Amino acid sequence: AGSQRVMELHGCTHRVLCLGCGEQTPRSELQKHFEALNPTWRAEA
């Protein structure tokens, strides 16, 4: 929405965190990795 003075108390799903080294990456990048690892996997919600 454009708010800037924001504290995300419980974090944000648009970020991914490594529990080992602490590196943060965008969730959109992980989606690409999922697609590459699971090219034929399909599921209906």
ModelCIF file with pLDDT and N, C-alpha, C, O atoms, coordinates in Angstrom:
data_MODEL
#
_entry.id   MODEL 
#
_entity.id                         1 
_entity.type                       polymer 
_entity.pdbx_number_of_molecules   1 
#
_entity_poly.entity_id                      1 
_entity_poly.type                           'polypeptide(L)' 
_entity_poly.nstd_linkage                   no 
_entity_poly.nstd_monomer                   no 
_entity_poly.pdbx_seq_one_letter_code       AGSQRVMELHGCTHRVLCLGCGEQTPRSELQKHFEALNPTWRAEA 
_entity_poly.pdbx_seq_one_letter_code_can   AGSQRVMELHGCTHRVLCLGCGEQTPRSELQKHFEALNPTWRAEA 
_entity_poly.pdbx_strand_id                 A 
#
loop_
_entity_poly_seq.entity_id 
_entity_poly_seq.num 
_entity_poly_seq.mon_id 
_entity_poly_seq.hetero 
1 1  ALA n 
1 2  GLY n 
1 3  SER n 
1 4  GLN n 
1 5  ARG n 
1 6  VAL n 
1 7  MET n 
1 8  GLU n 
1 9  LEU n 
1 10 HIS n 
1 11 GLY n 
1 12 CYS n 
1 13 THR n 
1 14 HIS n 
1 15 ARG n 
1 16 VAL n 
1 17 LEU n 
1 18 CYS n 
1 19 LEU n 
1 20 GLY n 
1 21 CYS n 
1 22 GLY n 
1 23 GLU n 
1 24 GLN n 
1 25 THR n 
1 26 PRO n 
1 27 ARG n 
1 28 SER n 
1 29 GLU n 
1 30 LEU n 
1 31 GLN n 
1 32 LYS n 
1 33 HIS n 
1 34 PHE n 
1 35 GLU n 
1 36 ALA n 
1 37 LEU n 
1 38 ASN n 
1 39 PRO n 
1 40 THR n 
1 41 TRP n 
1 42 ARG n 
1 43 ALA n 
1 44 GLU n 
1 45 ALA n 
#
_struct_asym.id          A 
_struct_asym.entity_id   1 
#
loop_
_ma_qa_metric.id 
_ma_qa_metric.mode 
_ma_qa_metric.name 
_ma_qa_metric.software_group_id 
_ma_qa_metric.type 
1 global pLDDT . pLDDT 
2 local  pLDDT . pLDDT 
#
_ma_qa_metric_global.metric_id      1 
_ma_qa_metric_global.metric_value   96.04 
_ma_qa_metric_global.model_id       1 
_ma_qa_metric_global.ordinal_id     1 
#
loop_
_ma_qa_metric_local.label_asym_id 
_ma_qa_metric_local.label_comp_id 
_ma_qa_metric_local.label_seq_id 
_ma_qa_metric_local.metric_id 
_ma_qa_metric_local.metric_value 
_ma_qa_metric_local.model_id 
_ma_qa_metric_local.ordinal_id 
A ALA 1  2 98.00 1 1  
A GLY 2  2 98.00 1 2  
A SER 3  2 98.00 1 3  
A GLN 4  2 97.00 1 4  
A ARG 5  2 97.00 1 5  
A VAL 6  2 98.00 1 6  
A MET 7  2 98.00 1 7  
A GLU 8  2 98.00 1 8  
A LEU 9  2 98.00 1 9  
A HIS 10 2 97.00 1 10 
A GLY 11 2 97.00 1 11 
A CYS 12 2 97.00 1 12 
A THR 13 2 96.00 1 13 
A HIS 14 2 97.00 1 14 
A ARG 15 2 97.00 1 15 
A VAL 16 2 98.00 1 16 
A LEU 17 2 98.00 1 17 
A CYS 18 2 98.00 1 18 
A LEU 19 2 98.00 1 19 
A GLY 20 2 98.00 1 20 
A CYS 21 2 98.00 1 21 
A GLY 22 2 97.00 1 22 
A GLU 23 2 97.00 1 23 
A GLN 24 2 97.00 1 24 
A THR 25 2 96.00 1 25 
A PRO 26 2 98.00 1 26 
A ARG 27 2 97.00 1 27 
A SER 28 2 97.00 1 28 
A GLU 29 2 97.00 1 29 
A LEU 30 2 98.00 1 30 
A GLN 31 2 97.00 1 31 
A LYS 32 2 97.00 1 32 
A HIS 33 2 97.00 1 33 
A PHE 34 2 98.00 1 34 
A GLU 35 2 97.00 1 35 
A ALA 36 2 97.00 1 36 
A LEU 37 2 97.00 1 37 
A ASN 38 2 97.00 1 38 
A PRO 39 2 96.00 1 39 
A THR 40 2 95.00 1 40 
A TRP 41 2 95.00 1 41 
A ARG 42 2 91.00 1 42 
A ALA 43 2 88.00 1 43 
A GLU 44 2 81.00 1 44 
A ALA 45 2 76.00 1 45 
#
loop_
_atom_site.group_PDB 
_atom_site.id 
_atom_site.type_symbol 
_atom_site.label_atom_id 
_atom_site.label_alt_id 
_atom_site.label_comp_id 
_atom_site.label_asym_id 
_atom_site.label_entity_id 
_atom_site.label_seq_id 
_atom_site.pdbx_PDB_ins_code 
_atom_site.Cartn_x 
_atom_site.Cartn_y 
_atom_site.Cartn_z 
_atom_site.occupancy 
_atom_site.B_iso_or_equiv 
_atom_site.pdbx_formal_charge 
_atom_site.auth_seq_id 
_atom_site.auth_comp_id 
_atom_site.auth_asym_id 
_atom_site.auth_atom_id 
_atom_site.pdbx_PDB_model_num 
ATOM 1   N N  . ALA A 1 1  ? 0.819  -1.215  0.000   1.00 98.00 ? 1  ALA A N  1 
ATOM 2   C CA . ALA A 1 1  ? 0.000  0.000   0.000   1.00 98.00 ? 1  ALA A CA 1 
ATOM 3   C C  . ALA A 1 1  ? 0.850  1.261   0.000   1.00 98.00 ? 1  ALA A C  1 
ATOM 4   O O  . ALA A 1 1  ? 0.364  2.338   -0.346  1.00 98.00 ? 1  ALA A O  1 
ATOM 5   N N  . GLY A 1 2  ? 2.118  1.135   0.386   1.00 98.00 ? 2  GLY A N  1 
ATOM 6   C CA . GLY A 1 2  ? 2.993  2.294   0.405   1.00 98.00 ? 2  GLY A CA 1 
ATOM 7   C C  . GLY A 1 2  ? 3.373  2.774   1.789   1.00 98.00 ? 2  GLY A C  1 
ATOM 8   O O  . GLY A 1 2  ? 4.094  3.764   1.916   1.00 98.00 ? 2  GLY A O  1 
ATOM 9   N N  . SER A 1 3  ? 2.904  2.096   2.840   1.00 98.00 ? 3  SER A N  1 
ATOM 10  C CA . SER A 1 3  ? 3.296  2.476   4.195   1.00 98.00 ? 3  SER A CA 1 
ATOM 11  C C  . SER A 1 3  ? 4.789  2.227   4.380   1.00 98.00 ? 3  SER A C  1 
ATOM 12  O O  . SER A 1 3  ? 5.334  1.252   3.864   1.00 98.00 ? 3  SER A O  1 
ATOM 13  N N  . GLN A 1 4  ? 5.444  3.122   5.124   1.00 97.00 ? 4  GLN A N  1 
ATOM 14  C CA . GLN A 1 4  ? 6.881  2.995   5.345   1.00 97.00 ? 4  GLN A CA 1 
ATOM 15  C C  . GLN A 1 4  ? 7.249  2.837   6.810   1.00 97.00 ? 4  GLN A C  1 
ATOM 16  O O  . GLN A 1 4  ? 8.234  2.169   7.125   1.00 97.00 ? 4  GLN A O  1 
ATOM 17  N N  . ARG A 1 5  ? 6.495  3.426   7.699   1.00 97.00 ? 5  ARG A N  1 
ATOM 18  C CA . ARG A 1 5  ? 6.778  3.299   9.132   1.00 97.00 ? 5  ARG A CA 1 
ATOM 19  C C  . ARG A 1 5  ? 6.072  2.053   9.657   1.00 97.00 ? 5  ARG A C  1 
ATOM 20  O O  . ARG A 1 5  ? 5.109  2.142   10.418  1.00 97.00 ? 5  ARG A O  1 
ATOM 21  N N  . VAL A 1 6  ? 6.566  0.897   9.239   1.00 98.00 ? 6  VAL A N  1 
ATOM 22  C CA . VAL A 1 6  ? 5.908  -0.378  9.531   1.00 98.00 ? 6  VAL A CA 1 
ATOM 23  C C  . VAL A 1 6  ? 6.866  -1.337  10.218  1.00 98.00 ? 6  VAL A C  1 
ATOM 24  O O  . VAL A 1 6  ? 8.006  -1.498  9.784   1.00 98.00 ? 6  VAL A O  1 
ATOM 25  N N  . MET A 1 7  ? 6.409  -1.972  11.282  1.00 98.00 ? 7  MET A N  1 
ATOM 26  C CA . MET A 1 7  ? 7.114  -3.075  11.904  1.00 98.00 ? 7  MET A CA 1 
ATOM 27  C C  . MET A 1 7  ? 6.297  -4.345  11.675  1.00 98.00 ? 7  MET A C  1 
ATOM 28  O O  . MET A 1 7  ? 5.147  -4.438  12.104  1.00 98.00 ? 7  MET A O  1 
ATOM 29  N N  . GLU A 1 8  ? 6.895  -5.316  10.999  1.00 98.00 ? 8  GLU A N  1 
ATOM 30  C CA . GLU A 1 8  ? 6.236  -6.605  10.762  1.00 98.00 ? 8  GLU A CA 1 
ATOM 31  C C  . GLU A 1 8  ? 6.557  -7.516  11.943  1.00 98.00 ? 8  GLU A C  1 
ATOM 32  O O  . GLU A 1 8  ? 7.570  -8.216  11.944  1.00 98.00 ? 8  GLU A O  1 
ATOM 33  N N  . LEU A 1 9  ? 5.692  -7.497  12.937  1.00 98.00 ? 9  LEU A N  1 
ATOM 34  C CA . LEU A 1 9  ? 5.957  -8.164  14.207  1.00 98.00 ? 9  LEU A CA 1 
ATOM 35  C C  . LEU A 1 9  ? 6.230  -9.654  14.030  1.00 98.00 ? 9  LEU A C  1 
ATOM 36  O O  . LEU A 1 9  ? 7.119  -10.210 14.675  1.00 98.00 ? 9  LEU A O  1 
ATOM 37  N N  . HIS A 1 10 ? 5.467  -10.290 13.162  1.00 97.00 ? 10 HIS A N  1 
ATOM 38  C CA . HIS A 1 10 ? 5.596  -11.737 12.953  1.00 97.00 ? 10 HIS A CA 1 
ATOM 39  C C  . HIS A 1 10 ? 6.330  -12.094 11.668  1.00 97.00 ? 10 HIS A C  1 
ATOM 40  O O  . HIS A 1 10 ? 6.273  -13.238 11.217  1.00 97.00 ? 10 HIS A O  1 
ATOM 41  N N  . GLY A 1 11 ? 7.023  -11.116 11.076  1.00 97.00 ? 11 GLY A N  1 
ATOM 42  C CA . GLY A 1 11 ? 7.782  -11.388 9.866   1.00 97.00 ? 11 GLY A CA 1 
ATOM 43  C C  . GLY A 1 11 ? 6.956  -11.222 8.607   1.00 97.00 ? 11 GLY A C  1 
ATOM 44  O O  . GLY A 1 11 ? 5.910  -10.574 8.621   1.00 97.00 ? 11 GLY A O  1 
ATOM 45  N N  . CYS A 1 12 ? 7.431  -11.812 7.512   1.00 97.00 ? 12 CYS A N  1 
ATOM 46  C CA . CYS A 1 12 ? 6.771  -11.639 6.219   1.00 97.00 ? 12 CYS A CA 1 
ATOM 47  C C  . CYS A 1 12 ? 7.004  -12.863 5.346   1.00 97.00 ? 12 CYS A C  1 
ATOM 48  O O  . CYS A 1 12 ? 8.135  -13.331 5.210   1.00 97.00 ? 12 CYS A O  1 
ATOM 49  N N  . THR A 1 13 ? 5.940  -13.376 4.759   1.00 96.00 ? 13 THR A N  1 
ATOM 50  C CA . THR A 1 13 ? 6.050  -14.574 3.918   1.00 96.00 ? 13 THR A CA 1 
ATOM 51  C C  . THR A 1 13 ? 6.762  -14.292 2.610   1.00 96.00 ? 13 THR A C  1 
ATOM 52  O O  . THR A 1 13 ? 7.134  -15.229 1.904   1.00 96.00 ? 13 THR A O  1 
ATOM 53  N N  . HIS A 1 14 ? 6.960  -13.039 2.269   1.00 97.00 ? 14 HIS A N  1 
ATOM 54  C CA . HIS A 1 14 ? 7.672  -12.710 1.034   1.00 97.00 ? 14 HIS A CA 1 
ATOM 55  C C  . HIS A 1 14 ? 9.189  -12.833 1.200   1.00 97.00 ? 14 HIS A C  1 
ATOM 56  O O  . HIS A 1 14 ? 9.938  -12.571 0.259   1.00 97.00 ? 14 HIS A O  1 
ATOM 57  N N  . ARG A 1 15 ? 9.640  -13.227 2.382   1.00 97.00 ? 15 ARG A N  1 
ATOM 58  C CA . ARG A 1 15 ? 11.050 -13.499 2.617   1.00 97.00 ? 15 ARG A CA 1 
ATOM 59  C C  . ARG A 1 15 ? 11.225 -14.952 3.051   1.00 97.00 ? 15 ARG A C  1 
ATOM 60  O O  . ARG A 1 15 ? 10.338 -15.530 3.679   1.00 97.00 ? 15 ARG A O  1 
ATOM 61  N N  . VAL A 1 16 ? 12.369 -15.535 2.715   1.00 98.00 ? 16 VAL A N  1 
ATOM 62  C CA . VAL A 1 16 ? 12.724 -16.889 3.135   1.00 98.00 ? 16 VAL A CA 1 
ATOM 63  C C  . VAL A 1 16 ? 14.035 -16.809 3.900   1.00 98.00 ? 16 VAL A C  1 
ATOM 64  O O  . VAL A 1 16 ? 14.960 -16.103 3.498   1.00 98.00 ? 16 VAL A O  1 
ATOM 65  N N  . LEU A 1 17 ? 14.106 -17.535 4.997   1.00 98.00 ? 17 LEU A N  1 
ATOM 66  C CA . LEU A 1 17 ? 15.265 -17.498 5.876   1.00 98.00 ? 17 LEU A CA 1 
ATOM 67  C C  . LEU A 1 17 ? 15.897 -18.874 5.969   1.00 98.00 ? 17 LEU A C  1 
ATOM 68  O O  . LEU A 1 17 ? 15.193 -19.873 6.118   1.00 98.00 ? 17 LEU A O  1 
ATOM 69  N N  . CYS A 1 18 ? 17.227 -18.937 5.881   1.00 98.00 ? 18 CYS A N  1 
ATOM 70  C CA . CYS A 1 18 ? 17.946 -20.191 6.114   1.00 98.00 ? 18 CYS A CA 1 
ATOM 71  C C  . CYS A 1 18 ? 18.219 -20.309 7.603   1.00 98.00 ? 18 CYS A C  1 
ATOM 72  O O  . CYS A 1 18 ? 18.802 -19.404 8.200   1.00 98.00 ? 18 CYS A O  1 
ATOM 73  N N  . LEU A 1 19 ? 17.803 -21.417 8.208   1.00 98.00 ? 19 LEU A N  1 
ATOM 74  C CA . LEU A 1 19 ? 18.017 -21.612 9.638   1.00 98.00 ? 19 LEU A CA 1 
ATOM 75  C C  . LEU A 1 19 ? 19.468 -21.949 9.953   1.00 98.00 ? 19 LEU A C  1 
ATOM 76  O O  . LEU A 1 19 ? 19.879 -21.931 11.113  1.00 98.00 ? 19 LEU A O  1 
ATOM 77  N N  . GLY A 1 20 ? 20.241 -22.258 8.912   1.00 98.00 ? 20 GLY A N  1 
ATOM 78  C CA . GLY A 1 20 ? 21.640 -22.581 9.128   1.00 98.00 ? 20 GLY A CA 1 
ATOM 79  C C  . GLY A 1 20 ? 22.538 -21.367 9.121   1.00 98.00 ? 20 GLY A C  1 
ATOM 80  O O  . GLY A 1 20 ? 23.235 -21.100 10.100  1.00 98.00 ? 20 GLY A O  1 
ATOM 81  N N  . CYS A 1 21 ? 22.529 -20.623 8.017   1.00 98.00 ? 21 CYS A N  1 
ATOM 82  C CA . CYS A 1 21 ? 23.454 -19.487 7.879   1.00 98.00 ? 21 CYS A CA 1 
ATOM 83  C C  . CYS A 1 21 ? 22.777 -18.129 8.021   1.00 98.00 ? 21 CYS A C  1 
ATOM 84  O O  . CYS A 1 21 ? 23.456 -17.104 8.083   1.00 98.00 ? 21 CYS A O  1 
ATOM 85  N N  . GLY A 1 22 ? 21.440 -18.111 8.075   1.00 97.00 ? 22 GLY A N  1 
ATOM 86  C CA . GLY A 1 22 ? 20.724 -16.853 8.274   1.00 97.00 ? 22 GLY A CA 1 
ATOM 87  C C  . GLY A 1 22 ? 20.491 -16.047 7.016   1.00 97.00 ? 22 GLY A C  1 
ATOM 88  O O  . GLY A 1 22 ? 19.972 -14.933 7.090   1.00 97.00 ? 22 GLY A O  1 
ATOM 89  N N  . GLU A 1 23 ? 20.859 -16.579 5.864   1.00 97.00 ? 23 GLU A N  1 
ATOM 90  C CA . GLU A 1 23 ? 20.676 -15.821 4.619   1.00 97.00 ? 23 GLU A CA 1 
ATOM 91  C C  . GLU A 1 23 ? 19.191 -15.635 4.315   1.00 97.00 ? 23 GLU A C  1 
ATOM 92  O O  . GLU A 1 23 ? 18.393 -16.558 4.473   1.00 97.00 ? 23 GLU A O  1 
ATOM 93  N N  . GLN A 1 24 ? 18.834 -14.426 3.877   1.00 97.00 ? 24 GLN A N  1 
ATOM 94  C CA . GLN A 1 24 ? 17.464 -14.118 3.481   1.00 97.00 ? 24 GLN A CA 1 
ATOM 95  C C  . GLN A 1 24 ? 17.390 -13.999 1.963   1.00 97.00 ? 24 GLN A C  1 
ATOM 96  O O  . GLN A 1 24 ? 18.261 -13.405 1.328   1.00 97.00 ? 24 GLN A O  1 
ATOM 97  N N  . THR A 1 25 ? 16.337 -14.574 1.397   1.00 96.00 ? 25 THR A N  1 
ATOM 98  C CA . THR A 1 25 ? 16.112 -14.483 -0.044  1.00 96.00 ? 25 THR A CA 1 
ATOM 99  C C  . THR A 1 25 ? 14.638 -14.205 -0.297  1.00 96.00 ? 25 THR A C  1 
ATOM 100 O O  . THR A 1 25 ? 13.802 -14.522 0.549   1.00 96.00 ? 25 THR A O  1 
ATOM 101 N N  . PRO A 1 26 ? 14.305 -13.625 -1.430  1.00 98.00 ? 26 PRO A N  1 
ATOM 102 C CA . PRO A 1 26 ? 12.887 -13.388 -1.751  1.00 98.00 ? 26 PRO A CA 1 
ATOM 103 C C  . PRO A 1 26 ? 12.140 -14.707 -1.958  1.00 98.00 ? 26 PRO A C  1 
ATOM 104 O O  . PRO A 1 26 ? 12.669 -15.654 -2.539  1.00 98.00 ? 26 PRO A O  1 
ATOM 105 N N  . ARG A 1 27 ? 10.921 -14.745 -1.479  1.00 97.00 ? 27 ARG A N  1 
ATOM 106 C CA . ARG A 1 27 ? 10.092 -15.951 -1.656  1.00 97.00 ? 27 ARG A CA 1 
ATOM 107 C C  . ARG A 1 27 ? 9.859  -16.243 -3.134  1.00 97.00 ? 27 ARG A C  1 
ATOM 108 O O  . ARG A 1 27 ? 9.713  -17.407 -3.507  1.00 97.00 ? 27 ARG A O  1 
ATOM 109 N N  . SER A 1 28 ? 9.821  -15.229 -3.976  1.00 97.00 ? 28 SER A N  1 
ATOM 110 C CA . SER A 1 28 ? 9.617  -15.418 -5.413  1.00 97.00 ? 28 SER A CA 1 
ATOM 111 C C  . SER A 1 28 ? 10.746 -16.237 -6.028  1.00 97.00 ? 28 SER A C  1 
ATOM 112 O O  . SER A 1 28 ? 10.516 -16.994 -6.971  1.00 97.00 ? 28 SER A O  1 
ATOM 113 N N  . GLU A 1 29 ? 11.963 -16.096 -5.506  1.00 97.00 ? 29 GLU A N  1 
ATOM 114 C CA . GLU A 1 29 ? 13.094 -16.883 -6.005  1.00 97.00 ? 29 GLU A CA 1 
ATOM 115 C C  . GLU A 1 29 ? 12.939 -18.349 -5.632  1.00 97.00 ? 29 GLU A C  1 
ATOM 116 O O  . GLU A 1 29 ? 13.258 -19.233 -6.427  1.00 97.00 ? 29 GLU A O  1 
ATOM 117 N N  . LEU A 1 30 ? 12.449 -18.609 -4.422  1.00 98.00 ? 30 LEU A N  1 
ATOM 118 C CA . LEU A 1 30 ? 12.236 -19.989 -4.005  1.00 98.00 ? 30 LEU A CA 1 
ATOM 119 C C  . LEU A 1 30 ? 11.176 -20.663 -4.869  1.00 98.00 ? 30 LEU A C  1 
ATOM 120 O O  . LEU A 1 30 ? 11.274 -21.858 -5.149  1.00 98.00 ? 30 LEU A O  1 
ATOM 121 N N  . GLN A 1 31 ? 10.164 -19.907 -5.294  1.00 97.00 ? 31 GLN A N  1 
ATOM 122 C CA . GLN A 1 31 ? 9.133  -20.472 -6.156  1.00 97.00 ? 31 GLN A CA 1 
ATOM 123 C C  . GLN A 1 31 ? 9.749  -21.016 -7.446  1.00 97.00 ? 31 GLN A C  1 
ATOM 124 O O  . GLN A 1 31 ? 9.334  -22.059 -7.951  1.00 97.00 ? 31 GLN A O  1 
ATOM 125 N N  . LYS A 1 32 ? 10.730 -20.306 -7.964  1.00 97.00 ? 32 LYS A N  1 
ATOM 126 C CA . LYS A 1 32 ? 11.416 -20.760 -9.184  1.00 97.00 ? 32 LYS A CA 1 
ATOM 127 C C  . LYS A 1 32 ? 12.184 -22.055 -8.922  1.00 97.00 ? 32 LYS A C  1 
ATOM 128 O O  . LYS A 1 32 ? 12.216 -22.940 -9.778  1.00 97.00 ? 32 LYS A O  1 
ATOM 129 N N  . HIS A 1 33 ? 12.799 -22.170 -7.752  1.00 97.00 ? 33 HIS A N  1 
ATOM 130 C CA . HIS A 1 33 ? 13.523 -23.397 -7.405  1.00 97.00 ? 33 HIS A CA 1 
ATOM 131 C C  . HIS A 1 33 ? 12.559 -24.577 -7.274  1.00 97.00 ? 33 HIS A C  1 
ATOM 132 O O  . HIS A 1 33 ? 12.853 -25.687 -7.718  1.00 97.00 ? 33 HIS A O  1 
ATOM 133 N N  . PHE A 1 34 ? 11.405 -24.317 -6.656  1.00 98.00 ? 34 PHE A N  1 
ATOM 134 C CA . PHE A 1 34 ? 10.390 -25.367 -6.547  1.00 98.00 ? 34 PHE A CA 1 
ATOM 135 C C  . PHE A 1 34 ? 9.979  -25.860 -7.937  1.00 98.00 ? 34 PHE A C  1 
ATOM 136 O O  . PHE A 1 34 ? 9.893  -27.064 -8.179  1.00 98.00 ? 34 PHE A O  1 
ATOM 137 N N  . GLU A 1 35 ? 9.732  -24.935 -8.826  1.00 97.00 ? 35 GLU A N  1 
ATOM 138 C CA . GLU A 1 35 ? 9.299  -25.295 -10.181 1.00 97.00 ? 35 GLU A CA 1 
ATOM 139 C C  . GLU A 1 35 ? 10.362 -26.117 -10.902 1.00 97.00 ? 35 GLU A C  1 
ATOM 140 O O  . GLU A 1 35 ? 10.037 -27.060 -11.623 1.00 97.00 ? 35 GLU A O  1 
ATOM 141 N N  . ALA A 1 36 ? 11.624 -25.762 -10.710 1.00 97.00 ? 36 ALA A N  1 
ATOM 142 C CA . ALA A 1 36 ? 12.709 -26.495 -11.362 1.00 97.00 ? 36 ALA A CA 1 
ATOM 143 C C  . ALA A 1 36 ? 12.864 -27.905 -10.799 1.00 97.00 ? 36 ALA A C  1 
ATOM 144 O O  . ALA A 1 36 ? 13.168 -28.843 -11.536 1.00 97.00 ? 36 ALA A O  1 
ATOM 145 N N  . LEU A 1 37 ? 12.655 -28.052 -9.495  1.00 97.00 ? 37 LEU A N  1 
ATOM 146 C CA . LEU A 1 37 ? 12.793 -29.356 -8.856  1.00 97.00 ? 37 LEU A CA 1 
ATOM 147 C C  . LEU A 1 37 ? 11.587 -30.257 -9.074  1.00 97.00 ? 37 LEU A C  1 
ATOM 148 O O  . LEU A 1 37 ? 11.697 -31.479 -8.976  1.00 97.00 ? 37 LEU A O  1 
ATOM 149 N N  . ASN A 1 38 ? 10.434 -29.658 -9.371  1.00 97.00 ? 38 ASN A N  1 
ATOM 150 C CA . ASN A 1 38 ? 9.186  -30.423 -9.484  1.00 97.00 ? 38 ASN A CA 1 
ATOM 151 C C  . ASN A 1 38 ? 8.479  -30.119 -10.810 1.00 97.00 ? 38 ASN A C  1 
ATOM 152 O O  . ASN A 1 38 ? 7.338  -29.656 -10.806 1.00 97.00 ? 38 ASN A O  1 
ATOM 153 N N  . PRO A 1 39 ? 9.143  -30.375 -11.942 1.00 96.00 ? 39 PRO A N  1 
ATOM 154 C CA . PRO A 1 39 ? 8.569  -29.973 -13.235 1.00 96.00 ? 39 PRO A CA 1 
ATOM 155 C C  . PRO A 1 39 ? 7.278  -30.695 -13.606 1.00 96.00 ? 39 PRO A C  1 
ATOM 156 O O  . PRO A 1 39 ? 6.466  -30.153 -14.356 1.00 96.00 ? 39 PRO A O  1 
ATOM 157 N N  . THR A 1 40 ? 7.076  -31.903 -13.097 1.00 95.00 ? 40 THR A N  1 
ATOM 158 C CA . THR A 1 40 ? 5.877  -32.666 -13.462 1.00 95.00 ? 40 THR A CA 1 
ATOM 159 C C  . THR A 1 40 ? 4.897  -32.806 -12.302 1.00 95.00 ? 40 THR A C  1 
ATOM 160 O O  . THR A 1 40 ? 3.850  -33.438 -12.444 1.00 95.00 ? 40 THR A O  1 
ATOM 161 N N  . TRP A 1 41 ? 5.233  -32.222 -11.162 1.00 95.00 ? 41 TRP A N  1 
ATOM 162 C CA . TRP A 1 41 ? 4.372  -32.372 -9.979  1.00 95.00 ? 41 TRP A CA 1 
ATOM 163 C C  . TRP A 1 41 ? 3.147  -31.488 -10.111 1.00 95.00 ? 41 TRP A C  1 
ATOM 164 O O  . TRP A 1 41 ? 3.260  -30.310 -10.452 1.00 95.00 ? 41 TRP A O  1 
ATOM 165 N N  . ARG A 1 42 ? 1.981  -32.048 -9.844  1.00 91.00 ? 42 ARG A N  1 
ATOM 166 C CA . ARG A 1 42 ? 0.724  -31.305 -9.920  1.00 91.00 ? 42 ARG A CA 1 
ATOM 167 C C  . ARG A 1 42 ? -0.139 -31.654 -8.717  1.00 91.00 ? 42 ARG A C  1 
ATOM 168 O O  . ARG A 1 42 ? -0.114 -32.783 -8.228  1.00 91.00 ? 42 ARG A O  1 
ATOM 169 N N  . ALA A 1 43 ? -0.900 -30.678 -8.248  1.00 88.00 ? 43 ALA A N  1 
ATOM 170 C CA . ALA A 1 43 ? -1.798 -30.917 -7.123  1.00 88.00 ? 43 ALA A CA 1 
ATOM 171 C C  . ALA A 1 43 ? -2.965 -29.964 -7.192  1.00 88.00 ? 43 ALA A C  1 
ATOM 172 O O  . ALA A 1 43 ? -2.811 -28.797 -7.551  1.00 88.00 ? 43 ALA A O  1 
ATOM 173 N N  . GLU A 1 44 ? -4.124 -30.464 -6.847  1.00 81.00 ? 44 GLU A N  1 
ATOM 174 C CA . GLU A 1 44 ? -5.335 -29.640 -6.811  1.00 81.00 ? 44 GLU A CA 1 
ATOM 175 C C  . GLU A 1 44 ? -5.645 -29.277 -5.373  1.00 81.00 ? 44 GLU A C  1 
ATOM 176 O O  . GLU A 1 44 ? -5.735 -30.152 -4.512  1.00 81.00 ? 44 GLU A O  1 
ATOM 177 N N  . ALA A 1 45 ? -5.807 -27.998 -5.111  1.00 76.00 ? 45 ALA A N  1 
ATOM 178 C CA . ALA A 1 45 ? -6.046 -27.529 -3.750  1.00 76.00 ? 45 ALA A CA 1 
ATOM 179 C C  . ALA A 1 45 ? -7.459 -27.869 -3.298  1.00 76.00 ? 45 ALA A C  1 
ATOM 180 O O  . ALA A 1 45 ? -7.841 -27.550 -2.172  1.00 76.00 ? 45 ALA A O  1 
#
